[in-house]
Amino acid sequence: MRFAIKTNPQNTTWPDLLAVWRRADEIETIESAWVFDHFYPISSDPTGPCLEGWTVLSALAHDTRRLRVGTMVNGMPYRHPAVTANMAAALDIISGGRFELGLGAGWSKEEADAYGISLGATVGERMDMFDEAVEAIVGLLTNEETTFDGVHVTLTNARNEPKGPQLPHPPIVIGGGGEKRTLRTVARWADHWNSTPLDPETWRHKRSVLDEHCAGLDRDPAEISSSMLFRFDPEDVNGLARQIAVYEGLGIDLAVFNLPTPHRVEHVEMVGDLAASMA
């Protein structure tokens, strides 16, 4: 199993966030670091401070050298897919090929309503929008020109230059667990599937659904790595280690520790020690 941290840029300060990432960059047992893509804090006071994810990630990528970096995951409705593809290519270049492109259908109605962003009239429409957008983004990150004539996305001889160093494109990370639509999109496009915390039985079931979708698309499921979020509790590191061992046995490839705020360097050092103890 590999290990990562996630530092949601909410209820924090830029100096604290940067200090944690710089320290993580020095700890070899931490493979990657992630932020989220929200405009309001989640699971806390929505009126609190929240730094914009792509901007923060660009700065953090520039100020680190080793960590793989990404957003877990970007809300697709927040930006036109062509804009997302251009930003992704630029970030891949800025990071020296360490960028991973997280994509999700979006879910926060509160911030979407506040900003006048449409999540789709129905969940089905939202997933239709997501499917088209993922295909358009992959095209723009891969091809010299992309033409796409969808219901929600239209591209006409669209270019996206320069592209980043990773070929054919940065790894695509898709978050979510919807069995009919999201996991089918994962099977079609993703290199990495990320899930929110799930109990072992539920995770095993959803992974089997993903494998079935892969079989229907004639894709080897081994091509898709898996990760799951874990809440990092500095008061119960031993309990977390026992929990991680269970999921490692299920085949999860990457454990992503969601660090609490305020962000503290000591917490990332504890993650590094935990990862080293389980190596």
Protein backbone atom coordinates (compact mmCIF):
# COMPACT_ATOMS: atom_id res chain seq x y z
CA MET A 1 0.00 0.00 0.00
CA ARG A 2 1.08 3.55 -0.74
CA PHE A 3 0.29 6.62 1.36
CA ALA A 4 -0.88 10.17 0.74
CA ILE A 5 -2.18 13.23 2.56
CA LYS A 6 -5.16 15.45 1.79
CA THR A 7 -5.19 18.99 3.10
CA ASN A 8 -8.54 20.63 2.44
CA PRO A 9 -7.77 24.35 2.04
CA GLN A 10 -10.52 25.38 4.45
CA ASN A 11 -10.22 26.87 7.93
CA THR A 12 -6.49 27.17 7.40
CA THR A 13 -3.84 29.70 6.42
CA TRP A 14 -1.55 29.67 3.42
CA PRO A 15 1.65 29.55 5.54
CA ASP A 16 0.36 26.52 7.49
CA LEU A 17 -0.72 24.72 4.32
CA LEU A 18 2.58 25.38 2.59
CA ALA A 19 4.59 24.24 5.62
CA VAL A 20 2.75 20.90 5.70
CA TRP A 21 3.32 20.28 1.98
CA ARG A 22 6.99 21.22 2.15
CA ARG A 23 7.49 18.80 5.03
CA ALA A 24 5.55 16.06 3.22
CA ASP A 25 7.79 16.59 0.20
CA GLU A 26 10.75 15.59 2.39
CA ILE A 27 9.13 12.36 3.66
CA GLU A 28 9.72 9.56 1.19
CA THR A 29 6.94 7.33 2.53
CA ILE A 30 4.33 9.91 1.48
CA GLU A 31 3.74 9.46 -2.23
CA SER A 32 1.25 12.21 -3.02
CA ALA A 33 -0.64 15.19 -1.63
CA TRP A 34 -4.10 16.46 -2.50
CA VAL A 35 -6.46 19.37 -1.93
CA PHE A 36 -10.21 19.63 -2.54
CA ASP A 37 -12.25 21.69 -5.00
CA HIS A 38 -14.86 23.64 -3.06
CA PHE A 39 -15.62 27.32 -2.65
CA TYR A 40 -17.22 26.93 0.78
CA PRO A 41 -15.92 24.82 3.68
CA ILE A 42 -17.56 21.41 3.89
CA SER A 43 -18.47 19.48 7.05
CA SER A 44 -17.95 22.70 9.01
CA ASP A 45 -19.20 26.28 9.13
CA PRO A 46 -19.87 27.20 5.46
CA THR A 47 -19.21 30.87 6.24
CA GLY A 48 -15.60 30.12 7.18
CA PRO A 49 -12.48 30.71 5.08
CA CYS A 50 -11.80 28.54 2.03
CA LEU A 51 -8.97 28.95 -0.49
CA GLU A 52 -9.65 28.14 -4.16
CA GLY A 53 -8.28 24.69 -4.92
CA TRP A 54 -6.68 25.02 -8.38
CA THR A 55 -4.87 28.23 -7.45
CA VAL A 56 -3.56 26.72 -4.23
CA LEU A 57 -2.52 23.51 -5.99
CA SER A 58 -0.54 25.39 -8.62
CA ALA A 59 1.42 27.21 -5.94
CA LEU A 60 1.99 24.03 -3.93
CA ALA A 61 3.15 22.17 -7.04
CA HIS A 62 5.66 24.92 -7.74
CA ASP A 63 6.98 24.82 -4.18
CA THR A 64 7.47 21.04 -4.02
CA ARG A 65 9.78 18.76 -5.97
CA ARG A 66 8.89 15.10 -5.38
CA LEU A 67 5.26 14.67 -4.36
CA ARG A 68 2.64 13.72 -6.90
CA VAL A 69 -0.06 16.36 -6.67
CA GLY A 70 -3.75 16.67 -7.43
CA THR A 71 -7.24 17.70 -6.41
CA MET A 72 -9.45 14.98 -5.01
CA VAL A 73 -11.54 15.72 -6.94
CA ASN A 74 -12.42 18.66 -9.20
CA GLY A 75 -16.10 19.50 -9.48
CA MET A 76 -16.84 19.22 -13.19
CA PRO A 77 -19.69 21.78 -13.29
CA TYR A 78 -17.44 24.51 -11.88
CA ARG A 79 -15.44 24.99 -15.09
CA HIS A 80 -16.00 24.39 -18.77
CA PRO A 81 -14.20 21.14 -19.70
CA ALA A 82 -11.98 22.95 -22.21
CA VAL A 83 -10.88 25.32 -19.44
CA THR A 84 -10.22 22.34 -17.15
CA ALA A 85 -8.10 20.67 -19.84
CA ASN A 86 -6.03 23.81 -20.37
CA MET A 87 -5.49 24.20 -16.64
CA ALA A 88 -4.54 20.54 -16.34
CA ALA A 89 -1.93 20.77 -19.09
CA ALA A 90 -0.43 23.88 -17.51
CA LEU A 91 -0.29 22.25 -14.08
CA ASP A 92 1.35 19.16 -15.51
CA ILE A 93 4.07 21.41 -16.94
CA ILE A 94 4.43 23.46 -13.74
CA SER A 95 4.78 20.31 -11.63
CA GLY A 96 7.27 18.65 -13.97
CA GLY A 97 4.92 15.78 -14.74
CA ARG A 98 3.71 15.12 -11.18
CA PHE A 99 0.08 16.14 -11.71
CA GLU A 100 -2.92 13.80 -11.47
CA LEU A 101 -6.27 15.06 -12.76
CA GLY A 102 -9.10 14.38 -10.35
CA LEU A 103 -12.61 14.61 -11.78
CA GLY A 104 -16.04 14.29 -10.18
CA ALA A 105 -19.62 15.07 -11.12
CA GLY A 106 -20.05 17.61 -8.29
CA TRP A 107 -22.51 17.52 -5.42
CA SER A 108 -22.48 20.69 -3.28
CA LYS A 109 -25.84 22.30 -3.95
CA GLU A 110 -25.22 25.07 -1.42
CA GLU A 111 -22.22 26.57 -3.17
CA ALA A 112 -23.57 25.83 -6.65
CA ASP A 113 -26.83 27.66 -5.88
CA ALA A 114 -24.95 30.57 -4.32
CA TYR A 115 -22.76 30.99 -7.41
CA GLY A 116 -25.46 30.30 -9.98
CA ILE A 117 -23.76 27.09 -11.15
CA SER A 118 -25.99 24.37 -12.57
CA LEU A 119 -25.40 20.85 -11.31
CA GLY A 120 -28.03 19.56 -13.74
CA ALA A 121 -31.77 19.39 -13.33
CA THR A 122 -31.55 15.73 -12.29
CA VAL A 123 -28.83 13.35 -11.18
CA GLY A 124 -29.12 11.66 -14.57
CA GLU A 125 -28.48 14.93 -16.38
CA ARG A 126 -25.53 15.65 -14.09
CA MET A 127 -24.00 12.32 -15.01
CA ASP A 128 -24.67 12.93 -18.72
CA MET A 129 -22.80 16.24 -18.35
CA PHE A 130 -19.97 14.48 -16.53
CA ASP A 131 -19.58 11.70 -19.09
CA GLU A 132 -19.39 14.16 -21.98
CA ALA A 133 -16.97 16.41 -20.14
CA VAL A 134 -14.56 13.59 -19.25
CA GLU A 135 -14.44 12.44 -22.88
CA ALA A 136 -13.87 16.00 -24.08
CA ILE A 137 -11.08 16.60 -21.56
CA VAL A 138 -9.26 13.39 -22.45
CA GLY A 139 -9.46 14.38 -26.11
CA LEU A 140 -8.06 17.84 -25.45
CA LEU A 141 -5.21 16.43 -23.36
CA THR A 142 -4.35 13.83 -25.98
CA ASN A 143 -5.12 15.02 -29.52
CA GLU A 144 -3.78 17.85 -31.63
CA GLU A 145 -7.38 18.89 -32.35
CA THR A 146 -10.62 17.72 -30.80
CA THR A 147 -14.13 18.00 -32.20
CA PHE A 148 -16.96 16.92 -29.94
CA ASP A 149 -20.67 17.31 -30.61
CA GLY A 150 -22.51 16.46 -27.42
CA VAL A 151 -25.69 17.63 -25.79
CA HIS A 152 -23.79 19.54 -23.09
CA VAL A 153 -20.30 19.96 -24.56
CA THR A 154 -19.39 21.20 -28.02
CA LEU A 155 -15.84 21.51 -29.34
CA THR A 156 -14.88 22.41 -32.88
CA ASN A 157 -11.29 21.74 -33.97
CA ALA A 158 -10.31 22.67 -30.42
CA ARG A 159 -6.61 22.88 -29.53
CA ASN A 160 -4.87 22.69 -26.18
CA GLU A 161 -1.17 23.54 -26.42
CA PRO A 162 1.31 23.03 -24.97
CA LYS A 163 0.51 19.69 -23.45
CA GLY A 164 2.21 18.38 -20.34
CA PRO A 165 5.07 15.89 -20.19
CA GLN A 166 2.97 12.87 -19.13
CA LEU A 167 1.81 10.73 -22.04
CA PRO A 168 -0.79 10.19 -23.28
CA HIS A 169 -2.07 12.59 -20.57
CA PRO A 170 -1.89 13.03 -16.79
CA PRO A 171 -3.47 10.11 -14.91
CA ILE A 172 -7.24 10.50 -14.64
CA VAL A 173 -8.59 10.10 -11.10
CA ILE A 174 -12.36 9.77 -10.84
CA GLY A 175 -14.07 9.99 -7.48
CA GLY A 176 -17.45 8.55 -6.55
CA GLY A 177 -19.25 5.29 -6.06
CA GLY A 178 -22.42 5.38 -8.16
CA GLU A 179 -22.70 1.86 -9.49
CA LYS A 180 -24.64 2.47 -12.71
CA ARG A 181 -22.95 5.60 -14.04
CA THR A 182 -19.88 6.74 -12.09
CA LEU A 183 -18.16 3.36 -11.91
CA ARG A 184 -18.89 2.80 -15.59
CA THR A 185 -17.15 6.10 -16.37
CA VAL A 186 -14.26 5.01 -14.15
CA ALA A 187 -13.99 1.78 -16.12
CA ARG A 188 -13.94 3.66 -19.40
CA TRP A 189 -11.57 6.53 -18.64
CA ALA A 190 -9.87 6.40 -15.26
CA ASP A 191 -6.42 5.30 -14.24
CA HIS A 192 -7.33 5.64 -10.57
CA TRP A 193 -10.62 5.28 -8.68
CA ASN A 194 -11.04 7.20 -5.43
CA SER A 195 -13.75 6.51 -2.90
CA THR A 196 -14.98 8.21 0.23
CA PRO A 197 -14.77 6.14 3.44
CA LEU A 198 -16.59 2.84 3.02
CA ASP A 199 -16.91 -0.20 5.24
CA PRO A 200 -14.96 -3.22 3.94
CA GLU A 201 -18.01 -5.08 2.63
CA THR A 202 -19.29 -2.06 0.71
CA TRP A 203 -15.88 -1.31 -0.75
CA ARG A 204 -15.46 -4.92 -1.88
CA HIS A 205 -18.88 -4.83 -3.54
CA LYS A 206 -18.21 -1.58 -5.38
CA ARG A 207 -14.85 -2.81 -6.59
CA SER A 208 -16.57 -5.91 -7.97
CA VAL A 209 -19.07 -3.66 -9.80
CA LEU A 210 -16.17 -1.70 -11.26
CA ASP A 211 -14.56 -4.94 -12.41
CA GLU A 212 -17.82 -5.95 -14.10
CA HIS A 213 -17.93 -2.64 -15.97
CA CYS A 214 -14.33 -3.23 -17.05
CA ALA A 215 -15.26 -6.65 -18.37
CA GLY A 216 -18.10 -5.11 -20.39
CA LEU A 217 -15.63 -2.66 -21.94
CA ASP A 218 -12.94 -5.32 -22.47
CA ARG A 219 -10.59 -3.49 -20.13
CA ASP A 220 -8.20 -5.07 -17.64
CA PRO A 221 -9.36 -3.92 -14.16
CA ALA A 222 -5.75 -4.16 -12.97
CA GLU A 223 -5.10 -1.00 -15.01
CA ILE A 224 -7.17 0.99 -12.49
CA SER A 225 -5.63 1.61 -9.09
CA SER A 226 -7.84 2.38 -6.10
CA SER A 227 -7.65 4.75 -3.16
CA MET A 228 -9.82 5.59 -0.19
CA LEU A 229 -9.99 8.53 2.19
CA PHE A 230 -9.29 7.99 5.87
CA ARG A 231 -9.79 10.56 8.62
CA PHE A 232 -6.47 11.13 10.35
CA ASP A 233 -6.91 11.24 14.11
CA PRO A 234 -3.62 12.16 15.80
CA GLU A 235 -5.02 10.76 19.06
CA ASP A 236 -5.56 7.25 17.65
CA VAL A 237 -2.74 6.44 15.25
CA ASN A 238 -2.62 2.80 16.36
CA GLY A 239 -6.31 2.35 15.64
CA LEU A 240 -5.82 3.90 12.23
CA ALA A 241 -2.96 1.51 11.52
CA ARG A 242 -5.21 -1.46 12.30
CA GLN A 243 -7.91 -0.05 10.03
CA ILE A 244 -5.45 0.49 7.19
CA ALA A 245 -4.20 -3.09 7.48
CA VAL A 246 -7.74 -4.37 6.85
CA TYR A 247 -8.11 -2.33 3.67
CA GLU A 248 -4.65 -3.24 2.46
CA GLY A 249 -5.81 -6.85 2.62
CA LEU A 250 -8.78 -5.93 0.41
CA GLY A 251 -6.45 -4.58 -2.26
CA ILE A 252 -6.67 -0.80 -1.84
CA ASP A 253 -3.53 0.67 -3.38
CA LEU A 254 -3.41 4.14 -1.82
CA ALA A 255 -4.49 5.29 1.64
CA VAL A 256 -5.24 9.03 1.64
CA PHE A 257 -5.16 10.62 5.09
CA ASN A 258 -7.48 13.59 5.43
CA LEU A 259 -5.59 15.86 7.83
CA PRO A 260 -7.52 17.95 10.35
CA THR A 261 -7.34 21.71 10.59
CA PRO A 262 -5.55 23.73 11.74
CA HIS A 263 -2.86 22.12 9.60
CA ARG A 264 0.19 21.14 11.60
CA VAL A 265 3.58 19.86 10.49
CA GLU A 266 3.55 17.37 13.38
CA HIS A 267 0.55 15.62 11.82
CA VAL A 268 2.26 15.01 8.50
CA GLU A 269 5.30 13.70 10.35
CA MET A 270 3.03 11.27 12.18
CA VAL A 271 1.65 10.11 8.84
CA GLY A 272 5.19 9.54 7.60
CA ASP A 273 6.01 7.46 10.68
CA LEU A 274 2.83 5.43 10.28
CA ALA A 275 3.57 4.77 6.62
CA ALA A 276 7.14 3.73 7.44
CA SER A 277 5.91 1.32 10.12
CA MET A 278 3.62 -0.40 7.62
CA ALA A 279 6.12 -0.61 4.76
